[in-house]
Amino acid sequence: MTLFKFIPSALSVLFVLTIFFLIRRQRLGIFQTSWWLFSALSILALGLFPSLADKIGFFFGIHYPPILPVILAICMLFVKVLTMDIERTRQEIKIRVLIQKIGVQETELQRLKEALEERGGDSN
């Protein structure tokens, strides 16, 4: 194996091992695990068998097949960032609701304290 073929193969294997390590240590959620497993296996396949991109590109009529992995990577990154933004928005909404609930509870607590002080003041 020549050096220019060894480097992508080694990088793809390193990437896959890192992903498997993170999955094993449960650093990724369930939905992220399936996404990253698919990404890792795709990178491993293209890293170990670069001619696969040529064959798939020829099948889809792409005249410069090495650009196919780049296009797919950009599309995957777009979907990943979009899902991250959706999740972040969902978390922000939950945080806002929790802040509002805490505010209501603090107001109620303050009202109860004032009522308790009024009762305590009457008994003296």
C-alpha atoms as a PDB file:
ATOM      1  CA  MET A   1       0.000   0.000   0.000  1.00  0.00           C
ATOM      2  CA  THR A   2       1.447   3.348  -1.013  1.00  0.00           C
ATOM      3  CA  LEU A   3       1.648   6.292   1.369  1.00  0.00           C
ATOM      4  CA  PHE A   4      -1.154   8.279  -0.263  1.00  0.00           C
ATOM      5  CA  LYS A   5      -3.468   5.271   0.193  1.00  0.00           C
ATOM      6  CA  PHE A   6      -2.239   4.483   3.705  1.00  0.00           C
ATOM      7  CA  ILE A   7      -3.002   7.894   5.219  1.00  0.00           C
ATOM      8  CA  PRO A   8      -6.746   7.974   4.377  1.00  0.00           C
ATOM      9  CA  SER A   9      -7.062   4.349   5.472  1.00  0.00           C
ATOM     10  CA  ALA A  10      -5.302   5.022   8.766  1.00  0.00           C
ATOM     11  CA  LEU A  11      -7.367   8.155   9.392  1.00  0.00           C
ATOM     12  CA  SER A  12     -10.621   6.336   8.676  1.00  0.00           C
ATOM     13  CA  VAL A  13      -9.684   3.475  11.016  1.00  0.00           C
ATOM     14  CA  LEU A  14      -8.706   5.988  13.712  1.00  0.00           C
ATOM     15  CA  PHE A  15     -12.016   7.803  13.253  1.00  0.00           C
ATOM     16  CA  VAL A  16     -13.991   4.552  13.513  1.00  0.00           C
ATOM     17  CA  LEU A  17     -12.107   3.491  16.640  1.00  0.00           C
ATOM     18  CA  THR A  18     -12.788   6.890  18.226  1.00  0.00           C
ATOM     19  CA  ILE A  19     -16.498   6.622  17.458  1.00  0.00           C
ATOM     20  CA  PHE A  20     -16.664   3.068  18.843  1.00  0.00           C
ATOM     21  CA  PHE A  21     -14.829   4.232  21.981  1.00  0.00           C
ATOM     22  CA  LEU A  22     -17.330   7.060  22.502  1.00  0.00           C
ATOM     23  CA  ILE A  23     -20.257   4.701  21.945  1.00  0.00           C
ATOM     24  CA  ARG A  24     -18.774   2.158  24.337  1.00  0.00           C
ATOM     25  CA  ARG A  25     -18.316   4.826  27.021  1.00  0.00           C
ATOM     26  CA  GLN A  26     -21.905   6.005  26.398  1.00  0.00           C
ATOM     27  CA  ARG A  27     -20.798   9.539  25.554  1.00  0.00           C
ATOM     28  CA  LEU A  28     -23.315   9.678  22.702  1.00  0.00           C
ATOM     29  CA  GLY A  29     -27.081   9.443  22.914  1.00  0.00           C
ATOM     30  CA  ILE A  30     -29.133   6.743  21.224  1.00  0.00           C
ATOM     31  CA  PHE A  31     -30.013   8.823  18.171  1.00  0.00           C
ATOM     32  CA  GLN A  32     -26.477  10.170  17.836  1.00  0.00           C
ATOM     33  CA  THR A  33     -25.069   6.632  18.054  1.00  0.00           C
ATOM     34  CA  SER A  34     -26.888   5.438  14.932  1.00  0.00           C
ATOM     35  CA  TRP A  35     -25.910   8.602  13.054  1.00  0.00           C
ATOM     36  CA  TRP A  36     -22.228   8.288  13.986  1.00  0.00           C
ATOM     37  CA  LEU A  37     -22.131   4.542  13.297  1.00  0.00           C
ATOM     38  CA  PHE A  38     -23.416   5.191   9.798  1.00  0.00           C
ATOM     39  CA  SER A  39     -20.863   7.978   9.345  1.00  0.00           C
ATOM     40  CA  ALA A  40     -18.033   5.837  10.706  1.00  0.00           C
ATOM     41  CA  LEU A  41     -18.834   2.899   8.463  1.00  0.00           C
ATOM     42  CA  SER A  42     -19.135   5.186   5.422  1.00  0.00           C
ATOM     43  CA  ILE A  43     -15.788   6.788   6.168  1.00  0.00           C
ATOM     44  CA  LEU A  44     -14.198   3.377   6.748  1.00  0.00           C
ATOM     45  CA  ALA A  45     -15.533   2.042   3.444  1.00  0.00           C
ATOM     46  CA  LEU A  46     -14.318   5.074   1.476  1.00  0.00           C
ATOM     47  CA  GLY A  47     -11.018   5.189   3.375  1.00  0.00           C
ATOM     48  CA  LEU A  48     -10.164   1.548   2.777  1.00  0.00           C
ATOM     49  CA  PHE A  49     -11.649   1.312  -0.714  1.00  0.00           C
ATOM     50  CA  PRO A  50     -11.301   4.706  -2.447  1.00  0.00           C
ATOM     51  CA  SER A  51     -12.222   3.176  -5.799  1.00  0.00           C
ATOM     52  CA  LEU A  52     -15.704   2.664  -4.356  1.00  0.00           C
ATOM     53  CA  ALA A  53     -16.312   6.401  -4.768  1.00  0.00           C
ATOM     54  CA  ASP A  54     -15.388   6.103  -8.444  1.00  0.00           C
ATOM     55  CA  LYS A  55     -17.848   3.242  -8.992  1.00  0.00           C
ATOM     56  CA  ILE A  56     -20.695   4.951  -7.150  1.00  0.00           C
ATOM     57  CA  GLY A  57     -19.980   8.252  -8.924  1.00  0.00           C
ATOM     58  CA  PHE A  58     -19.995   6.566 -12.321  1.00  0.00           C
ATOM     59  CA  PHE A  59     -23.315   4.888 -11.439  1.00  0.00           C
ATOM     60  CA  PHE A  60     -24.902   8.275 -10.645  1.00  0.00           C
ATOM     61  CA  GLY A  61     -23.368   9.938 -13.690  1.00  0.00           C
ATOM     62  CA  ILE A  62     -20.927  12.141 -11.790  1.00  0.00           C
ATOM     63  CA  HIS A  63     -18.049  12.906 -14.141  1.00  0.00           C
ATOM     64  CA  TYR A  64     -15.531  13.608 -11.375  1.00  0.00           C
ATOM     65  CA  PRO A  65     -16.248  10.757  -8.942  1.00  0.00           C
ATOM     66  CA  PRO A  66     -13.833  11.833  -6.144  1.00  0.00           C
ATOM     67  CA  ILE A  67     -16.140  14.800  -5.484  1.00  0.00           C
ATOM     68  CA  LEU A  68     -18.935  12.399  -4.456  1.00  0.00           C
ATOM     69  CA  PRO A  69     -17.596  11.846  -0.898  1.00  0.00           C
ATOM     70  CA  VAL A  70     -17.188  15.618  -0.525  1.00  0.00           C
ATOM     71  CA  ILE A  71     -20.780  16.267  -1.595  1.00  0.00           C
ATOM     72  CA  LEU A  72     -22.062  13.513   0.696  1.00  0.00           C
ATOM     73  CA  ALA A  73     -20.006  14.835   3.604  1.00  0.00           C
ATOM     74  CA  ILE A  74     -21.364  18.351   3.135  1.00  0.00           C
ATOM     75  CA  CYS A  75     -24.931  17.008   2.984  1.00  0.00           C
ATOM     76  CA  MET A  76     -24.365  14.926   6.116  1.00  0.00           C
ATOM     77  CA  LEU A  77     -22.890  17.919   7.930  1.00  0.00           C
ATOM     78  CA  PHE A  78     -25.878  20.011   6.913  1.00  0.00           C
ATOM     79  CA  VAL A  79     -28.310  17.426   8.299  1.00  0.00           C
ATOM     80  CA  LYS A  80     -26.240  17.045  11.483  1.00  0.00           C
ATOM     81  CA  VAL A  81     -26.118  20.790  12.134  1.00  0.00           C
ATOM     82  CA  LEU A  82     -29.830  21.053  11.418  1.00  0.00           C
ATOM     83  CA  THR A  83     -30.653  18.311  13.919  1.00  0.00           C
ATOM     84  CA  MET A  84     -28.363  19.955  16.481  1.00  0.00           C
ATOM     85  CA  ASP A  85     -30.191  23.265  16.035  1.00  0.00           C
ATOM     86  CA  ILE A  86     -33.552  21.548  16.387  1.00  0.00           C
ATOM     87  CA  GLU A  87     -32.425  19.883  19.621  1.00  0.00           C
ATOM     88  CA  ARG A  88     -30.940  23.121  20.965  1.00  0.00           C
ATOM     89  CA  THR A  89     -34.212  24.951  20.227  1.00  0.00           C
ATOM     90  CA  ARG A  90     -36.137  22.209  22.009  1.00  0.00           C
ATOM     91  CA  GLN A  91     -33.853  22.553  25.041  1.00  0.00           C
ATOM     92  CA  GLU A  92     -34.206  26.351  25.057  1.00  0.00           C
ATOM     93  CA  ILE A  93     -37.987  26.015  25.085  1.00  0.00           C
ATOM     94  CA  LYS A  94     -37.778  23.588  28.016  1.00  0.00           C
ATOM     95  CA  ILE A  95     -35.484  25.964  29.881  1.00  0.00           C
ATOM     96  CA  ARG A  96     -37.868  28.894  29.334  1.00  0.00           C
ATOM     97  CA  VAL A  97     -40.804  26.845  30.621  1.00  0.00           C
ATOM     98  CA  LEU A  98     -38.795  25.790  33.681  1.00  0.00           C
ATOM     99  CA  ILE A  99     -37.787  29.398  34.375  1.00  0.00           C
ATOM    100  CA  GLN A 100     -41.427  30.471  34.172  1.00  0.00           C
ATOM    101  CA  LYS A 101     -42.464  27.673  36.543  1.00  0.00           C
ATOM    102  CA  ILE A 102     -39.742  28.670  39.011  1.00  0.00           C
ATOM    103  CA  GLY A 103     -40.913  32.285  38.832  1.00  0.00           C
ATOM    104  CA  VAL A 104     -44.491  31.235  39.593  1.00  0.00           C
ATOM    105  CA  GLN A 105     -43.319  29.092  42.505  1.00  0.00           C
ATOM    106  CA  GLU A 106     -41.149  31.905  43.906  1.00  0.00           C
ATOM    107  CA  THR A 107     -44.103  34.290  43.727  1.00  0.00           C
ATOM    108  CA  GLU A 108     -46.316  31.755  45.481  1.00  0.00           C
ATOM    109  CA  LEU A 109     -43.642  31.149  48.134  1.00  0.00           C
ATOM    110  CA  GLN A 110     -43.294  34.872  48.736  1.00  0.00           C
ATOM    111  CA  ARG A 111     -47.075  35.218  49.050  1.00  0.00           C
ATOM    112  CA  LEU A 112     -47.195  32.352  51.572  1.00  0.00           C
ATOM    113  CA  LYS A 113     -44.329  33.876  53.590  1.00  0.00           C
ATOM    114  CA  GLU A 114     -46.148  37.202  53.744  1.00  0.00           C
ATOM    115  CA  ALA A 115     -49.356  35.456  54.815  1.00  0.00           C
ATOM    116  CA  LEU A 116     -47.466  33.535  57.486  1.00  0.00           C
ATOM    117  CA  GLU A 117     -45.825  36.726  58.779  1.00  0.00           C
ATOM    118  CA  GLU A 118     -49.230  38.428  58.989  1.00  0.00           C
ATOM    119  CA  ARG A 119     -50.611  35.555  61.046  1.00  0.00           C
ATOM    120  CA  GLY A 120     -47.523  35.483  63.224  1.00  0.00           C
ATOM    121  CA  GLY A 121     -47.730  39.244  63.772  1.00  0.00           C
ATOM    122  CA  ASP A 122     -51.365  38.966  64.943  1.00  0.00           C
ATOM    123  CA  SER A 123     -50.545  36.405  67.651  1.00  0.00           C
ATOM    124  CA  ASN A 124     -48.051  38.713  69.477  1.00  0.00           C
END
